[in-house]
Protein backbone atom coordinates (compact mmCIF):
# COMPACT_ATOMS: atom_id res chain seq x y z
CA MET A 1 27.20 4.19 -22.37
CA THR A 2 28.88 1.28 -24.17
CA ALA A 3 29.06 -2.32 -23.63
CA SER A 4 32.34 -3.69 -22.10
CA ALA A 5 34.97 -4.38 -24.72
CA ARG A 6 36.39 -7.22 -22.52
CA GLY A 7 33.14 -9.02 -21.88
CA PRO A 8 30.99 -10.96 -24.34
CA ALA A 9 29.18 -9.10 -27.09
CA LEU A 10 25.72 -7.68 -26.28
CA PRO A 11 23.26 -10.00 -28.11
CA ALA A 12 21.30 -8.05 -30.75
CA GLY A 13 17.68 -7.43 -29.60
CA GLN A 14 18.25 -8.96 -26.27
CA LEU A 15 18.03 -5.66 -24.38
CA ALA A 16 14.61 -4.91 -25.99
CA ALA A 17 13.40 -8.38 -24.80
CA VAL A 18 14.20 -7.82 -21.12
CA ARG A 19 10.96 -7.96 -18.96
CA LEU A 20 12.59 -8.29 -15.57
CA LEU A 21 15.76 -6.64 -14.13
CA LEU A 22 17.08 -8.07 -10.95
CA SER A 23 20.02 -6.61 -9.00
CA ASP A 24 22.28 -7.53 -6.23
CA CYS A 25 21.80 -5.11 -3.37
CA ASP A 26 25.08 -4.81 -1.50
CA GLY A 27 27.44 -2.83 -3.82
CA VAL A 28 25.01 -2.30 -6.62
CA LEU A 29 21.83 -0.43 -5.34
CA THR A 30 23.73 0.45 -2.24
CA ASP A 31 27.23 2.03 -1.72
CA ALA A 32 29.61 -0.84 -1.05
CA GLY A 33 31.37 1.33 1.64
CA VAL A 34 30.17 0.83 5.19
CA LEU A 35 28.94 3.82 7.02
CA TYR A 36 28.42 4.12 10.81
CA SER A 37 26.27 6.32 12.80
CA GLU A 38 27.31 8.20 15.80
CA ARG A 39 26.28 5.34 17.99
CA GLY A 40 28.46 2.98 16.00
CA GLU A 41 25.56 1.29 14.15
CA GLU A 42 26.14 0.07 10.56
CA MET A 43 24.32 2.09 7.98
CA THR A 44 23.50 1.73 4.26
CA ARG A 45 23.68 4.53 1.74
CA PHE A 46 21.15 4.42 -1.27
CA SER A 47 21.26 6.37 -4.57
CA ARG A 48 18.13 8.35 -5.42
CA ARG A 49 19.25 8.03 -8.96
CA ASP A 50 18.86 4.34 -8.84
CA GLY A 51 15.37 4.74 -7.41
CA MET A 52 14.43 6.88 -10.36
CA GLY A 53 15.67 3.97 -12.69
CA VAL A 54 13.29 1.61 -10.85
CA GLU A 55 10.34 3.98 -11.33
CA ARG A 56 11.14 4.43 -15.04
CA LEU A 57 11.30 0.78 -15.77
CA ARG A 58 7.99 0.31 -13.98
CA THR A 59 6.39 3.03 -16.16
CA ALA A 60 7.77 0.99 -19.22
CA GLY A 61 6.29 -2.25 -18.03
CA ILE A 62 9.56 -3.81 -16.82
CA GLU A 63 9.55 -5.39 -13.29
CA THR A 64 12.45 -4.92 -10.94
CA GLY A 65 13.82 -6.87 -7.92
CA ILE A 66 16.66 -7.72 -5.52
CA VAL A 67 18.25 -11.07 -5.17
CA SER A 68 21.08 -10.55 -2.57
CA ARG A 69 23.16 -12.46 0.07
CA GLU A 70 22.63 -9.43 2.19
CA ASP A 71 19.85 -9.76 4.74
CA SER A 72 19.46 -6.22 5.96
CA PRO A 73 16.13 -4.81 7.37
CA ILE A 74 17.20 -1.43 6.11
CA ALA A 75 17.70 -2.83 2.61
CA ALA A 76 14.28 -4.49 2.89
CA ARG A 77 12.65 -1.22 3.90
CA ARG A 78 14.29 0.68 1.04
CA ALA A 79 13.09 -2.07 -1.43
CA GLU A 80 9.64 -1.88 -0.18
CA ARG A 81 9.65 1.91 -0.58
CA LEU A 82 11.01 1.43 -4.22
CA ARG A 83 7.93 -0.98 -4.74
CA LEU A 84 10.20 -3.63 -6.14
CA ARG A 85 8.23 -6.59 -7.16
CA GLU A 86 10.90 -9.07 -6.09
CA ILE A 87 12.60 -8.85 -2.78
CA HIS A 88 14.82 -11.90 -1.97
CA LEU A 89 17.45 -11.28 0.71
CA GLY A 90 19.80 -13.72 2.34
CA VAL A 91 20.01 -15.81 -0.82
CA ALA A 92 23.22 -17.89 -0.96
CA ASP A 93 22.72 -19.47 -4.28
CA LYS A 94 21.30 -16.81 -6.71
CA LEU A 95 20.94 -18.70 -9.93
CA PRO A 96 18.33 -21.21 -8.71
CA ALA A 97 16.47 -18.24 -7.06
CA ILE A 98 16.51 -16.23 -10.27
CA ALA A 99 15.35 -19.28 -12.27
CA ALA A 100 12.48 -19.86 -9.89
CA ILE A 101 11.40 -16.25 -10.09
CA ALA A 102 11.40 -16.34 -13.89
CA GLU A 103 9.38 -19.60 -13.95
CA ARG A 104 6.85 -18.06 -11.54
CA LEU A 105 6.44 -14.99 -13.68
CA GLY A 106 6.21 -17.04 -16.87
CA LEU A 107 9.38 -15.75 -18.32
CA ALA A 108 12.44 -17.28 -19.98
CA LEU A 109 15.89 -16.64 -18.51
CA GLU A 110 16.61 -14.70 -21.77
CA GLN A 111 14.11 -12.13 -20.74
CA VAL A 112 15.80 -11.51 -17.36
CA ALA A 113 18.65 -9.09 -16.83
CA PHE A 114 20.88 -9.12 -13.82
CA ILE A 115 23.45 -6.71 -12.47
CA GLY A 116 25.96 -7.83 -9.82
CA ASP A 117 29.39 -6.82 -8.69
CA ASP A 118 31.22 -9.85 -7.05
CA LEU A 119 32.40 -13.25 -7.81
CA GLN A 120 29.32 -14.86 -6.03
CA ASP A 121 27.25 -13.29 -8.86
CA LEU A 122 29.25 -14.83 -11.79
CA GLU A 123 27.05 -17.91 -12.30
CA ALA A 124 23.84 -15.95 -12.38
CA LEU A 125 25.37 -13.20 -14.54
CA ARG A 126 26.55 -15.77 -17.15
CA SER A 127 23.00 -17.43 -17.30
CA VAL A 128 20.55 -14.58 -17.82
CA GLY A 129 19.76 -12.85 -21.12
CA VAL A 130 21.69 -9.60 -20.34
CA SER A 131 24.24 -9.04 -17.56
CA ALA A 132 25.88 -5.91 -16.26
CA CYS A 133 27.99 -4.71 -13.42
CA PRO A 134 29.02 -1.30 -11.88
CA ALA A 135 32.33 0.22 -12.58
CA ASP A 136 33.79 -0.84 -9.17
CA ALA A 137 32.94 -4.68 -9.73
CA GLU A 138 35.47 -7.37 -9.33
CA PRO A 139 37.82 -7.55 -12.40
CA ALA A 140 36.47 -11.13 -13.19
CA VAL A 141 32.92 -9.82 -13.17
CA ARG A 142 33.84 -6.93 -15.43
CA ASP A 143 35.30 -9.39 -17.88
CA ALA A 144 32.21 -11.66 -17.95
CA VAL A 145 29.28 -9.32 -18.29
CA HIS A 146 27.72 -7.78 -21.42
CA PHE A 147 27.76 -4.28 -19.95
CA VAL A 148 29.99 -2.34 -17.50
CA ALA A 149 28.48 0.86 -16.17
CA SER A 150 30.51 3.99 -15.99
CA ARG A 151 29.23 4.65 -12.35
CA ARG A 152 30.11 2.82 -9.26
CA GLY A 153 27.63 0.83 -7.19
CA GLY A 154 25.29 2.95 -5.22
CA HIS A 155 26.04 5.94 -7.35
CA GLY A 156 23.79 5.31 -10.31
CA ALA A 157 25.04 2.06 -11.95
CA PHE A 158 21.67 0.65 -11.83
CA ARG A 159 19.98 3.62 -13.33
CA GLU A 160 22.52 3.62 -16.09
CA PHE A 161 21.74 -0.04 -16.97
CA ALA A 162 18.02 0.78 -16.84
CA GLU A 163 18.45 3.59 -19.27
CA LEU A 164 20.35 1.28 -21.66
CA ILE A 165 17.33 -1.18 -21.53
CA LEU A 166 14.85 1.63 -22.04
CA ALA A 167 16.75 3.03 -24.94
CA ALA A 168 16.78 -0.40 -26.64
CA ARG A 169 12.98 -0.74 -26.22
CA GLN A 170 12.40 2.70 -27.96
CA GLN A 171 14.68 1.50 -30.87
CA GLU A 172 12.92 -1.83 -31.21
CA PRO A 173 9.34 -1.42 -30.31
CA GLU A 174 8.05 -4.70 -31.88
CA ALA A 175 8.71 -8.04 -30.14
CA PRO A 176 11.30 -10.20 -31.80
CA ARG A 177 10.16 -12.95 -34.05
CA GLY A 178 11.54 -16.10 -35.53
CA ARG A 179 14.57 -17.51 -33.73
CA ASP A 180 13.92 -15.05 -30.85
CA ALA A 181 10.33 -16.25 -30.25
CA SER A 182 11.39 -17.96 -27.12
CA LEU A 183 11.94 -14.45 -25.62
CA HIS A 184 8.31 -13.78 -25.71
CA LEU A 185 6.22 -14.18 -22.55
CA LEU A 186 5.11 -17.79 -22.21
CA PRO A 187 1.59 -18.36 -23.50
CA GLY A 188 -1.42 -18.80 -21.34
CA PRO A 189 -3.04 -16.79 -18.37
CA ARG A 190 -0.79 -14.40 -16.49
CA ARG A 191 0.70 -15.52 -13.27
CA ARG A 192 -1.23 -14.31 -10.30
CA TRP A 193 1.43 -12.94 -7.95
CA LEU A 194 1.88 -9.73 -5.92
CA ARG A 195 4.58 -8.60 -3.60
CA VAL A 196 3.07 -7.35 -0.33
CA GLY A 197 5.60 -6.02 2.15
CA GLN A 198 8.01 -8.88 2.83
CA ARG A 199 5.64 -11.67 1.63
CA ALA A 200 4.14 -12.57 -1.72
CA ILE A 201 0.60 -13.42 -2.47
CA GLY A 202 -0.44 -15.69 -5.46
CA ASP A 203 0.56 -18.60 -7.46
CA GLY A 204 3.23 -20.82 -5.87
CA GLU A 205 2.94 -19.07 -2.47
CA PRO A 206 1.60 -20.23 0.73
CA VAL A 207 -1.95 -19.01 1.39
CA TYR A 208 -1.53 -15.51 2.99
CA VAL A 209 -3.71 -15.48 6.21
CA ILE A 210 -5.04 -12.25 7.60
CA ALA A 211 -6.40 -12.10 11.12
CA GLU A 212 -9.02 -9.41 11.15
CA VAL A 213 -9.13 -7.65 14.55
CA GLY A 214 -11.38 -5.07 13.04
CA ILE A 215 -13.23 -3.46 15.92
CA ASN A 216 -13.36 -6.60 18.12
CA HIS A 217 -10.75 -4.81 20.42
CA ASN A 218 -13.76 -2.71 21.80
CA GLY A 219 -11.47 0.32 22.02
CA SER A 220 -8.84 -1.47 24.21
CA VAL A 221 -5.30 -1.57 23.06
CA GLU A 222 -4.61 -4.34 25.60
CA ILE A 223 -7.31 -6.48 23.96
CA ALA A 224 -5.76 -5.65 20.55
CA LYS A 225 -2.35 -6.87 21.78
CA LYS A 226 -3.82 -10.13 23.00
CA LEU A 227 -5.40 -10.63 19.58
CA ILE A 228 -2.12 -9.75 17.88
CA ASP A 229 -0.36 -12.25 20.19
CA GLY A 230 -2.88 -14.90 19.02
CA ALA A 231 -2.30 -14.16 15.45
CA VAL A 232 1.49 -14.44 15.83
CA ALA A 233 1.17 -17.80 17.78
CA SER A 234 -0.98 -19.18 14.99
CA GLY A 235 1.38 -18.05 12.18
CA CYS A 236 -0.73 -15.59 10.44
CA ALA A 237 1.01 -13.21 8.06
CA CYS A 238 -0.94 -10.05 8.99
CA VAL A 239 -3.44 -8.48 11.41
CA LYS A 240 -6.06 -6.08 10.16
CA PHE A 241 -7.83 -3.22 11.79
CA GLN A 242 -10.67 -0.88 10.63
CA LYS A 243 -10.16 2.92 10.58
CA ARG A 244 -13.07 5.41 10.51
CA THR A 245 -13.47 9.12 11.15
CA PRO A 246 -16.73 8.91 13.10
CA GLU A 247 -17.74 12.54 12.31
CA VAL A 248 -17.47 11.60 8.51
CA CYS A 249 -18.73 8.10 8.51
CA VAL A 250 -21.77 8.26 10.80
CA PRO A 251 -24.69 9.90 9.03
CA PRO A 252 -25.98 13.02 10.74
CA GLU A 253 -29.32 11.51 11.34
CA GLN A 254 -27.75 8.71 13.40
CA GLN A 255 -25.32 10.62 15.47
CA ALA A 256 -27.66 11.52 18.26
CA LEU A 257 -29.34 8.05 18.45
CA GLU A 258 -28.75 6.58 21.89
CA ARG A 259 -27.72 2.88 22.49
CA ASP A 260 -26.77 0.77 25.34
CA THR A 261 -23.01 -0.23 25.50
CA PRO A 262 -20.58 -1.77 28.06
CA TRP A 263 -19.74 1.78 29.13
CA GLY A 264 -23.25 2.90 29.61
CA ARG A 265 -25.87 4.49 27.49
CA MET A 266 -24.43 6.94 24.97
CA THR A 267 -25.11 8.43 21.49
CA TYR A 268 -24.04 6.36 18.51
CA LEU A 269 -21.45 9.03 17.57
CA GLU A 270 -19.95 8.77 21.08
CA TYR A 271 -20.00 5.08 20.75
CA ARG A 272 -18.14 5.16 17.46
CA GLN A 273 -15.51 7.55 18.90
CA ARG A 274 -15.15 5.29 21.98
CA VAL A 275 -14.06 2.24 19.84
CA GLU A 276 -11.70 4.26 17.45
CA PHE A 277 -7.98 4.24 18.34
CA ASN A 278 -6.10 7.49 17.96
CA PHE A 279 -2.73 8.08 16.42
CA ALA A 280 -0.81 7.36 19.63
CA GLN A 281 -2.65 4.11 20.18
CA TYR A 282 -2.04 3.08 16.52
CA ALA A 283 1.62 3.96 16.97
CA GLU A 284 1.72 1.59 19.97
CA ILE A 285 0.11 -1.14 17.91
CA ASP A 286 2.67 -0.45 15.19
CA ARG A 287 5.54 -1.00 17.49
CA TYR A 288 4.05 -3.99 19.08
CA CYS A 289 3.61 -5.59 15.63
CA ARG A 290 7.01 -4.76 14.47
CA ASP A 291 8.55 -6.25 17.63
CA ARG A 292 6.56 -9.50 17.13
CA GLY A 293 7.42 -9.67 13.39
CA ILE A 294 3.93 -9.47 11.99
CA ALA A 295 2.50 -7.12 9.44
CA TRP A 296 -0.58 -4.96 10.06
CA THR A 297 -2.95 -2.83 8.09
CA ALA A 298 -6.44 -1.48 8.05
CA SER A 299 -9.48 -0.85 5.86
CA CYS A 300 -10.00 2.94 5.49
CA TRP A 301 -13.56 3.99 5.43
CA ASP A 302 -13.14 7.69 4.58
CA GLN A 303 -10.58 9.91 3.03
CA PRO A 304 -9.10 11.36 6.30
CA SER A 305 -8.56 7.75 7.44
CA VAL A 306 -6.37 7.14 4.17
CA ASP A 307 -3.92 9.68 5.25
CA PHE A 308 -4.02 8.52 8.90
CA ILE A 309 -3.15 4.84 7.98
CA ALA A 310 -0.78 5.70 5.21
CA ALA A 311 1.41 7.42 7.75
CA PHE A 312 2.23 3.98 9.24
CA ASP A 313 3.46 2.66 5.88
CA PRO A 314 1.36 -0.61 5.84
CA PRO A 315 2.23 -3.29 3.37
CA PHE A 316 -1.26 -2.88 1.66
CA ILE A 317 -4.63 -1.19 2.41
CA LYS A 318 -7.99 -2.84 2.23
CA VAL A 319 -11.09 -1.43 0.51
CA ALA A 320 -14.10 -2.47 2.68
CA SER A 321 -17.06 -3.92 0.78
CA ALA A 322 -19.21 -1.00 1.95
CA THR A 323 -16.82 1.53 0.17
CA LEU A 324 -16.40 -0.25 -3.03
CA THR A 325 -18.71 2.16 -4.81
CA ASP A 326 -17.04 5.33 -3.36
CA HIS A 327 -14.91 6.16 -6.34
CA ALA A 328 -13.64 9.34 -4.81
CA LEU A 329 -12.25 7.21 -1.91
CA LEU A 330 -10.94 4.63 -4.34
CA THR A 331 -9.04 7.51 -6.19
CA LYS A 332 -7.64 8.62 -2.87
CA LEU A 333 -6.46 5.12 -1.94
CA ARG A 334 -4.84 4.59 -5.32
CA GLY A 335 -2.77 7.72 -4.84
CA VAL A 336 -1.17 6.31 -1.77
CA GLY A 337 0.82 3.89 -4.04
CA LYS A 338 0.22 0.84 -1.90
CA PRO A 339 -1.32 -2.49 -3.03
CA LEU A 340 -5.03 -2.51 -2.55
CA MET A 341 -7.21 -5.39 -1.32
CA LEU A 342 -10.75 -4.91 -2.86
CA SER A 343 -13.47 -6.62 -0.87
CA THR A 344 -16.55 -7.40 -3.02
CA GLY A 345 -19.44 -8.11 -0.48
CA MET A 346 -22.81 -6.55 -1.20
CA SER A 347 -21.55 -5.74 -4.77
CA THR A 348 -22.69 -6.62 -8.25
CA MET A 349 -20.27 -7.61 -11.01
CA GLU A 350 -20.83 -4.27 -12.67
CA GLU A 351 -19.98 -2.50 -9.52
CA ILE A 352 -16.72 -4.51 -9.14
CA ASP A 353 -15.74 -3.85 -12.74
CA ALA A 354 -16.35 -0.13 -12.12
CA ALA A 355 -14.09 -0.25 -9.03
CA VAL A 356 -11.36 -2.06 -10.72
CA GLY A 357 -11.50 0.45 -13.53
CA VAL A 358 -10.68 3.19 -10.92
CA VAL A 359 -7.87 1.47 -9.05
CA GLY A 360 -6.32 -0.58 -11.82
CA VAL A 361 -5.03 -4.22 -11.64
CA ASP A 362 -1.31 -3.70 -11.36
CA SER A 363 -1.21 -3.73 -7.57
CA LEU A 364 -4.62 -5.26 -6.78
CA LEU A 365 -5.91 -8.19 -4.81
CA ILE A 366 -9.63 -9.17 -4.89
CA ALA A 367 -11.49 -10.69 -2.08
CA HIS A 368 -14.74 -12.68 -2.54
CA ALA A 369 -17.08 -11.90 0.38
CA THR A 370 -20.66 -11.95 1.44
CA SER A 371 -21.48 -9.17 3.87
CA THR A 372 -23.78 -10.98 6.34
CA TYR A 373 -22.49 -11.44 9.91
CA PRO A 374 -22.72 -14.33 10.46
CA CYS A 375 -23.17 -15.61 6.86
CA PRO A 376 -25.17 -18.86 6.37
CA PRO A 377 -23.42 -21.42 4.14
CA VAL A 378 -25.99 -21.26 1.35
CA GLU A 379 -25.14 -17.53 0.82
CA LEU A 380 -21.36 -17.93 0.75
CA ASN A 381 -21.34 -18.82 -3.03
CA LEU A 382 -17.68 -19.86 -3.02
CA ARG A 383 -17.58 -20.57 -6.78
CA THR A 384 -17.47 -16.92 -7.16
CA ILE A 385 -13.73 -17.20 -6.40
CA LEU A 386 -13.42 -19.01 -9.70
CA THR A 387 -15.66 -16.39 -11.51
CA LEU A 388 -13.29 -13.59 -10.27
CA ARG A 389 -10.23 -15.54 -11.19
CA ASP A 390 -11.42 -15.96 -14.81
CA ARG A 391 -12.64 -12.32 -15.03
CA PHE A 392 -9.44 -10.61 -13.63
CA ASP A 393 -6.61 -12.36 -15.27
CA GLY A 394 -3.25 -12.05 -13.34
CA VAL A 395 -4.96 -10.67 -10.17
CA PRO A 396 -4.64 -12.82 -7.03
CA VAL A 397 -8.05 -13.57 -5.74
CA GLY A 398 -8.85 -14.54 -2.13
CA TYR A 399 -11.65 -14.98 0.35
CA SER A 400 -12.95 -12.86 3.31
CA GLY A 401 -15.24 -15.00 5.38
CA HIS A 402 -17.85 -14.04 7.96
CA GLU A 403 -19.39 -17.50 8.64
CA THR A 404 -19.16 -19.57 11.76
CA GLY A 405 -16.96 -22.64 11.60
CA LEU A 406 -13.79 -23.38 9.49
CA ALA A 407 -14.86 -26.01 6.87
CA THR A 408 -16.05 -23.44 4.29
CA THR A 409 -12.72 -21.56 4.54
CA TYR A 410 -10.89 -24.79 3.75
CA ALA A 411 -13.05 -25.17 0.73
CA ALA A 412 -12.25 -21.58 -0.41
CA VAL A 413 -8.50 -22.40 -0.42
CA ALA A 414 -9.21 -25.74 -2.27
CA LEU A 415 -10.95 -23.50 -4.91
CA GLY A 416 -7.88 -21.51 -5.36
CA ALA A 417 -8.04 -18.61 -2.85
CA ALA A 418 -4.57 -17.01 -2.58
CA PHE A 419 -5.33 -15.39 0.64
CA VAL A 420 -7.96 -15.68 3.34
CA GLU A 421 -9.31 -13.28 5.90
CA ARG A 422 -11.28 -14.21 9.02
CA HIS A 423 -12.32 -12.09 11.97
CA ILE A 424 -10.75 -13.09 15.25
CA THR A 425 -11.84 -12.65 18.85
CA LEU A 426 -10.82 -13.61 22.36
CA ASP A 427 -14.39 -14.87 23.05
CA ARG A 428 -17.25 -15.02 20.67
CA SER A 429 -19.67 -14.10 23.46
CA MET A 430 -17.92 -10.65 24.00
CA TRP A 431 -20.01 -7.53 23.31
CA GLY A 432 -19.77 -6.27 19.74
CA SER A 433 -21.32 -6.63 16.28
CA ASP A 434 -18.70 -8.72 14.69
CA GLN A 435 -17.83 -11.19 17.62
CA ALA A 436 -20.33 -13.98 16.71
CA ALA A 437 -18.85 -14.24 13.16
CA SER A 438 -15.35 -14.35 14.47
CA VAL A 439 -12.87 -17.21 15.18
CA GLU A 440 -11.40 -17.59 18.65
CA ILE A 441 -7.65 -18.07 18.99
CA VAL A 442 -7.84 -21.81 19.44
CA GLY A 443 -9.87 -22.08 16.20
CA LEU A 444 -7.37 -19.75 14.48
CA MET A 445 -4.57 -22.13 15.27
CA ARG A 446 -6.59 -25.03 13.98
CA LEU A 447 -7.30 -23.11 10.83
CA MET A 448 -3.59 -22.33 10.17
CA ARG A 449 -2.61 -25.91 10.86
CA ASP A 450 -5.19 -27.37 8.54
CA LEU A 451 -4.66 -24.79 5.75
CA ARG A 452 -1.01 -25.83 5.54
CA ASP A 453 -2.15 -29.52 5.35
CA ILE A 454 -4.52 -28.69 2.60
CA GLU A 455 -1.89 -26.69 0.65
CA GLN A 456 0.47 -29.84 0.74
CA ALA A 457 -2.36 -32.15 -0.20
CA LEU A 458 -3.35 -30.13 -3.16
CA GLY A 459 0.03 -30.70 -4.83
CA ASP A 460 0.91 -29.42 -8.24
CA GLY A 461 -1.54 -31.61 -10.37
CA VAL A 462 1.20 -33.61 -12.08
CA LYS A 463 0.48 -37.27 -11.80
CA ARG A 464 3.44 -39.27 -10.54
CA VAL A 465 4.37 -42.53 -8.78
CA TYR A 466 5.73 -41.77 -5.21
CA GLN A 467 8.56 -43.74 -3.72
CA SER A 468 6.17 -44.78 -0.86
CA GLU A 469 4.10 -46.64 -3.57
CA LEU A 470 6.86 -48.67 -4.98
CA GLY A 471 6.51 -51.51 -2.35
CA ALA A 472 2.72 -51.87 -2.94
CA MET A 473 3.38 -51.70 -6.67
CA ARG A 474 5.70 -54.63 -6.50
CA ARG A 475 3.33 -56.68 -4.35
CA LEU A 476 0.01 -55.75 -5.90
CA ARG A 477 0.45 -54.53 -9.39
CA ARG A 478 -1.48 -56.66 -11.92
CA THR A 479 -0.29 -56.88 -15.39
CA ALA A 480 -1.83 -58.30 -18.63
CA ALA A 481 0.74 -61.23 -18.42
CA ALA A 482 -0.01 -62.50 -14.93
CA PRO A 483 -3.10 -61.07 -13.40
CA LEU A 484 -3.85 -64.21 -11.43
CA GLU A 485 -0.48 -64.43 -9.84
CA ALA A 486 -0.58 -60.90 -8.64
CA ALA A 487 -3.98 -61.30 -7.21
CA ALA A 488 -2.91 -64.56 -5.42
CA GLN A 489 0.10 -62.71 -3.87
CA ALA A 490 -2.33 -59.92 -2.69
């Protein structure tokens, strides 16, 4: 593997400084040739070799991503499975997108590498620290980049470039100094940002809103669908359920206890089984959510439930507050390879530290919560959001609320919550333990509307004079030279 003789010389030490490798999709990570199924559907071929390159870079602490004009759901699914941090499809102008990604991650452009293959990639290729292309790239691209791979796009070119970067890091283990100091990560706290499915959660992103269906469906798929429809109409990013294996989760001494339910008097175990969806019912929910373009996930309360939910490939899995101290379950969840959302209700800081020690911080979201249903405002303790942000640098922190009303959820966002989760219901008077602490659909719509207003109102903290102020400034501004004249005009 050698750098192209026709392109610019590869800057000394620049490869070792790379912290983010971005790629075009069509023609680089995928085969540029178009394949068709027996039904005439366009298909995309991906290289397993390139996928291994992504994994090896991740192990070395180098993030990867796609910035592509292509907007293919197949490519998006493949990118999710590869656990790429950045997935930006349908991008017409790549350089501004790459610059924005670098800024959000606290990187200089010199720390970014990009591999592309056509003329639309030229501007981006000329602006990043290190550029590359596959062997079958456009001639003008091959002339412009630092490195031309020996393999074609979709046949291992990405992996080849990845190995070049990894080899350079092994040869130059220490960070560059002196003139290359600008290649270091920018100082200050790490950016709080995590890719979750097709969305991102964290700094610079809209608040990610999760509509918690939980068990408010009362065992009815039709009620669940109505709640999903309400979440979609409100603009939520995700709906969440709860998955238990009743025979595992219900203590033996409670299984035979009887209780009154809308379906008659039955044992507690029978009740828990009555409100649990089976695989076919969750498959129906999965199809329903996909058809309506909303993500869904669940909290897994036991180890069999982890395998059950993982089969549906959710964007993340939630750790319920009640299971935060179940380290065996946490280890099982970590093994799925999905981002985890750790809810912290009924937990001490020492217990939270121990849980984070089990699951790690690389693909973690932490939710402040108080496990009282409904929770009085005096016990919400929203400033804990700030405490968790300070304690777990780089981890997006959000809020899981169980209170009545919306005002305190607004306050959580103003304090910096990157995501919020609220239980939803069709009617707070419905039967069920969580209904009273839930938000009806009309309230959910109001919540989403007001949260977006709050996001805009918070701004970026940079003091500026707005165009709309200029008229008032001309009429009302008092200066040291003429304070009385300005006052008279007012």
